Protein backbone atom coordinates (compact mmCIF):
# COMPACT_ATOMS: atom_id res chain seq x y z
CA MET A 1 19.52 3.85 18.12
CA ALA A 2 17.68 3.33 14.98
CA ALA A 3 14.55 5.23 13.75
CA VAL A 4 11.67 3.35 13.81
CA ALA A 5 7.86 4.27 13.68
CA GLU A 6 5.84 2.49 15.99
CA ALA A 7 3.01 2.88 18.18
CA LEU A 8 5.14 3.59 21.55
CA ILE A 9 7.49 5.67 19.26
CA VAL A 10 5.96 9.07 17.89
CA GLY A 11 6.51 12.74 18.43
CA ASP A 12 9.58 14.10 20.79
CA GLY A 13 8.23 11.94 23.66
CA HIS A 14 8.18 12.69 27.16
CA ASP A 15 11.01 15.84 28.12
CA GLU A 16 13.74 15.31 30.83
CA SER A 17 12.00 18.05 32.69
CA ARG A 18 8.67 15.70 33.46
CA TRP A 19 11.10 12.67 34.37
CA GLN A 20 12.81 15.07 36.43
CA LEU A 21 9.47 14.92 38.40
CA SER A 22 8.62 11.50 37.92
CA PRO A 23 7.14 10.63 41.84
CA TRP A 24 8.11 6.39 40.70
CA LEU A 25 11.67 7.53 39.41
CA ALA A 26 12.55 9.01 41.93
CA SER A 27 11.27 6.19 44.76
CA LEU A 28 13.24 3.92 42.99
CA PRO A 29 16.30 2.39 45.06
CA HIS A 30 19.72 2.63 44.80
CA ARG A 31 22.45 0.38 44.30
CA ASP A 32 25.52 1.36 43.52
CA ALA A 33 28.37 0.48 40.86
CA ALA A 34 29.86 -2.31 43.28
CA ALA A 35 26.83 -3.67 44.26
CA LEU A 36 25.97 -4.91 40.93
CA LEU A 37 29.45 -6.00 40.07
CA ALA A 38 29.24 -7.94 43.23
CA THR A 39 30.99 -10.97 42.55
CA HIS A 40 30.55 -11.45 38.78
CA GLU A 41 33.92 -11.55 36.99
CA ARG A 42 32.62 -10.88 33.47
CA VAL A 43 30.25 -8.51 32.41
CA VAL A 44 28.60 -8.93 28.81
CA VAL A 45 26.81 -6.11 27.56
CA VAL A 46 24.17 -6.62 24.77
CA SER A 47 23.52 -3.47 22.38
CA PRO A 48 20.54 -3.70 19.67
CA HIS A 49 22.18 -1.12 17.73
CA PRO A 50 25.83 0.74 18.17
CA ASP A 51 24.99 3.52 20.73
CA ASP A 52 22.67 1.94 23.12
CA GLU A 53 25.46 0.36 25.05
CA THR A 54 26.81 3.97 25.73
CA LEU A 55 23.20 5.54 26.68
CA ALA A 56 21.94 3.57 28.62
CA CYS A 57 25.13 1.22 30.58
CA GLY A 58 27.91 3.46 29.73
CA GLY A 59 28.25 4.35 33.73
CA LEU A 60 27.86 0.79 34.75
CA MET A 61 30.61 -0.13 31.46
CA ARG A 62 32.87 2.20 32.68
CA ALA A 63 32.88 1.00 37.08
CA ALA A 64 33.06 -2.54 35.62
CA ALA A 65 36.36 -1.70 33.70
CA ARG A 66 38.06 0.17 36.56
CA ALA A 67 37.13 -2.47 38.57
CA GLY A 68 38.91 -4.94 36.62
CA ARG A 69 36.19 -6.92 35.23
CA THR A 70 36.25 -8.56 32.33
CA LEU A 71 33.63 -6.57 29.22
CA SER A 72 32.35 -7.72 26.01
CA VAL A 73 30.28 -5.55 24.00
CA VAL A 74 27.64 -7.80 21.48
CA SER A 75 26.37 -5.27 18.82
CA VAL A 76 23.58 -7.34 17.29
CA THR A 77 23.12 -4.93 14.39
CA ASP A 78 24.86 -2.60 12.91
CA GLY A 79 22.88 0.13 12.74
CA GLU A 80 22.22 0.53 9.27
CA ALA A 81 18.82 1.29 8.40
CA CYS A 82 18.74 4.61 10.54
CA TYR A 83 18.16 6.70 8.16
CA PRO A 84 16.46 4.86 5.21
CA GLY A 85 15.94 6.96 1.39
CA ASN A 86 19.14 9.29 2.90
CA GLY A 87 21.62 8.93 -0.03
CA ALA A 88 23.94 10.51 1.73
CA TRP A 89 24.07 8.17 4.70
CA PRO A 90 23.20 4.53 2.40
CA PRO A 91 23.65 1.58 4.70
CA GLU A 92 27.37 1.26 3.37
CA ARG A 93 28.47 4.35 5.08
CA LEU A 94 26.58 3.72 8.63
CA ARG A 95 27.47 0.39 8.73
CA VAL A 96 31.63 1.69 8.53
CA ASP A 97 30.58 5.39 10.83
CA ARG A 98 28.45 3.69 13.47
CA ALA A 99 31.78 0.74 14.44
CA SER A 100 34.02 3.55 14.06
CA GLU A 101 31.91 5.88 15.73
CA LEU A 102 31.05 3.33 19.01
CA ALA A 103 34.93 2.00 19.24
CA GLY A 104 35.34 5.73 20.17
CA ALA A 105 32.61 5.96 22.36
CA LEU A 106 34.47 3.05 24.45
CA ARG A 107 37.35 4.65 24.48
CA ALA A 108 36.38 7.27 25.96
CA LEU A 109 34.39 5.58 28.60
CA ASP A 110 38.31 4.32 29.27
CA THR A 111 36.94 0.27 28.49
CA CYS A 112 38.83 -2.58 26.26
CA ALA A 113 36.01 -4.08 26.28
CA THR A 114 36.23 -7.24 23.11
CA LEU A 115 33.39 -6.57 20.87
CA HIS A 116 31.33 -9.08 19.02
CA ARG A 117 29.36 -7.79 16.32
CA LEU A 118 26.26 -10.20 14.95
CA HIS A 119 25.74 -8.33 11.83
CA LEU A 120 21.54 -8.85 12.39
CA PRO A 121 19.63 -7.07 10.25
CA ASP A 122 18.55 -3.69 11.86
CA GLY A 123 14.67 -3.54 11.69
CA GLY A 124 15.01 -7.12 11.58
CA VAL A 125 16.29 -8.47 14.67
CA ALA A 126 13.29 -10.49 15.60
CA ALA A 127 12.85 -12.72 11.92
CA ALA A 128 16.65 -13.66 13.16
CA ALA A 129 15.88 -14.53 16.45
CA ALA A 130 16.48 -18.44 16.54
CA THR A 131 20.35 -16.87 15.49
CA LEU A 132 20.65 -14.65 18.17
CA ARG A 133 19.84 -16.73 20.85
CA THR A 134 22.43 -19.05 18.96
CA ALA A 135 24.82 -16.54 19.57
CA LEU A 136 24.35 -15.64 22.76
CA ALA A 137 24.38 -18.89 23.85
CA LYS A 138 27.13 -19.29 23.42
CA LEU A 139 29.04 -15.79 24.48
CA VAL A 140 27.13 -15.79 27.63
CA ARG A 141 28.78 -18.05 31.04
CA PRO A 142 27.70 -19.49 34.39
CA GLY A 143 28.41 -16.21 37.13
CA ASP A 144 28.47 -13.45 34.10
CA LEU A 145 26.45 -10.67 34.04
CA VAL A 146 24.28 -9.53 31.67
CA LEU A 147 23.35 -6.57 30.47
CA ALA A 148 20.32 -6.30 27.68
CA PRO A 149 17.69 -4.07 26.44
CA TRP A 150 14.09 -4.16 28.22
CA GLU A 151 11.53 -6.81 26.71
CA HIS A 152 9.32 -4.18 26.45
CA ASP A 153 11.28 -1.47 25.49
CA GLY A 154 9.01 -0.40 22.28
CA HIS A 155 11.27 -0.49 20.04
CA PRO A 156 10.54 -4.42 17.72
CA ASP A 157 14.44 -4.70 17.91
CA HIS A 158 15.56 -4.07 21.16
CA ASP A 159 12.26 -5.93 22.49
CA ALA A 160 13.07 -9.24 20.59
CA VAL A 161 17.27 -8.72 22.12
CA GLY A 162 15.50 -8.67 25.46
CA ALA A 163 13.48 -11.54 24.75
CA ALA A 164 16.61 -13.36 23.26
CA ALA A 165 18.28 -12.89 26.89
CA LEU A 166 15.36 -13.41 29.21
CA SER A 167 15.11 -16.99 27.33
CA VAL A 168 19.08 -17.44 27.08
CA VAL A 169 20.57 -15.90 30.19
CA PRO A 170 19.34 -17.41 33.02
CA ALA A 171 19.82 -20.81 31.48
CA ALA A 172 23.33 -20.78 31.47
CA GLY A 173 23.18 -19.28 34.42
CA ALA A 174 24.27 -16.16 34.38
CA THR A 175 22.50 -13.24 35.77
CA LEU A 176 20.62 -10.44 33.71
CA LEU A 177 20.02 -6.98 34.18
CA ARG A 178 18.01 -5.18 31.85
CA TYR A 179 17.96 -1.53 30.81
CA PRO A 180 15.51 0.87 29.21
CA VAL A 181 16.23 2.78 26.00
CA TRP A 182 13.40 3.84 24.26
CA ALA A 183 10.40 3.56 27.33
CA TRP A 184 11.65 6.44 28.51
CA HIS A 185 9.69 7.93 25.34
CA TRP A 186 6.54 6.17 26.18
CA LEU A 187 6.13 4.96 29.80
CA ASP A 188 4.09 7.32 31.85
CA HIS A 189 6.05 9.41 33.96
CA ALA A 190 3.41 10.11 36.91
CA ARG A 191 2.49 7.43 37.70
CA PRO A 192 2.40 6.74 41.83
CA ALA A 193 4.47 3.19 41.39
CA PRO A 194 7.48 2.22 39.56
CA PRO A 195 6.36 -0.18 36.24
CA PHE A 196 8.96 -2.68 36.68
CA PRO A 197 11.49 -3.50 39.64
CA ALA A 198 14.52 -1.92 39.26
CA VAL A 199 17.13 0.21 40.72
CA ARG A 200 18.94 3.49 40.74
CA MET A 201 23.01 3.13 40.11
CA PRO A 202 24.19 7.14 40.52
CA LEU A 203 27.15 8.37 38.62
CA ASP A 204 29.85 10.33 40.02
CA GLU A 205 30.81 13.84 37.63
CA GLY A 206 33.71 11.71 36.38
CA ALA A 207 31.25 8.82 35.38
CA ARG A 208 28.91 11.86 33.83
CA ARG A 209 31.44 13.61 31.63
CA ALA A 210 33.16 10.02 30.59
CA LYS A 211 29.55 9.52 29.09
CA ARG A 212 28.84 12.66 28.03
CA ALA A 213 32.21 12.55 25.97
CA ALA A 214 31.48 8.87 24.59
CA ILE A 215 27.55 10.10 23.56
CA GLY A 216 29.38 12.52 22.09
CA CYS A 217 31.07 10.28 19.52
CA PHE A 218 28.14 8.79 18.08
CA ALA A 219 28.19 11.85 15.43
CA SER A 220 25.90 10.22 12.70
CA GLN A 221 23.12 9.55 14.71
CA LEU A 222 23.84 13.50 16.99
CA GLY A 223 23.36 14.87 13.46
CA THR A 224 26.63 16.36 13.88
CA ALA A 225 28.59 14.73 11.14
CA ALA A 226 28.38 16.22 7.76
CA PRO A 227 26.09 16.43 5.87
CA ALA A 228 23.72 17.11 8.60
CA VAL A 229 20.66 15.00 8.94
CA ALA A 230 16.66 16.96 9.54
CA GLU A 231 15.83 14.47 11.66
CA PRO A 232 18.82 12.67 13.78
CA VAL A 233 18.34 10.14 16.13
CA LEU A 234 19.48 11.29 18.96
CA ALA A 235 18.44 14.87 18.93
CA PRO A 236 18.96 16.89 22.01
CA HIS A 237 15.87 15.95 23.75
CA VAL A 238 16.29 12.33 23.23
CA VAL A 239 19.90 13.01 24.36
CA ALA A 240 18.69 14.68 27.28
CA ARG A 241 17.30 11.10 28.91
CA PHE A 242 20.83 9.67 29.55
CA GLU A 243 22.70 12.63 30.78
CA ARG A 244 21.22 12.06 34.22
CA PRO A 245 23.34 11.48 37.47
CA PHE A 246 22.14 7.75 37.50
CA GLU A 247 21.29 4.55 35.08
CA VAL A 248 18.12 2.74 35.51
CA TYR A 249 18.63 -1.17 35.85
CA LEU A 250 15.67 -3.33 35.96
CA THR A 251 15.78 -7.06 38.21
């Protein structure tokens, strides 16, 4: 993820304890990884920033690798703008560190993913939407399963990546599943009905351990790398939203 000051993403957002009591989240139908992967031989995960793919889709990525599927990760930006003005964490360092963290996360998930780095500007994906659509059109094949952010996630880069995927993926003859990341910060957890058609994919304990280890690789975002930052992007209350025994995919 990247730091952002948007109307939907302010403060700490909803605590995970509230989501655990959410009636609509509990009501989502279950769909296991085998059913989601179905006949898809290739899985393409489109991630706005290095870490989004792991937070939202780490369990399904691991399941795809274990099932023998070909896995590709499209890292749209390098995540270089997450700590603007911090001299200890300039964009040049973040580009290198976040790429290394992503590589470590993919290893922790026991995947041999092919990584495609598009190097679009962190915080400026919307302005490069045409370039993104062209890149995705070259990468996505008929029959692929593509995972991309929800186009209303609330972060401008996420929304732009989601909109590009909606434009490209169905036209390419591939199947699109969308994932929320920042939406857990601001969506109404108390509403009685789901705000979108979606499913819950259960994660067993082995998948949860691997996903926790993968998330732990993003030291720059967790604030565990030196020097520490006062407000890490992946503060504990944010990470808690991705330690659930399931992942959510919009259908």
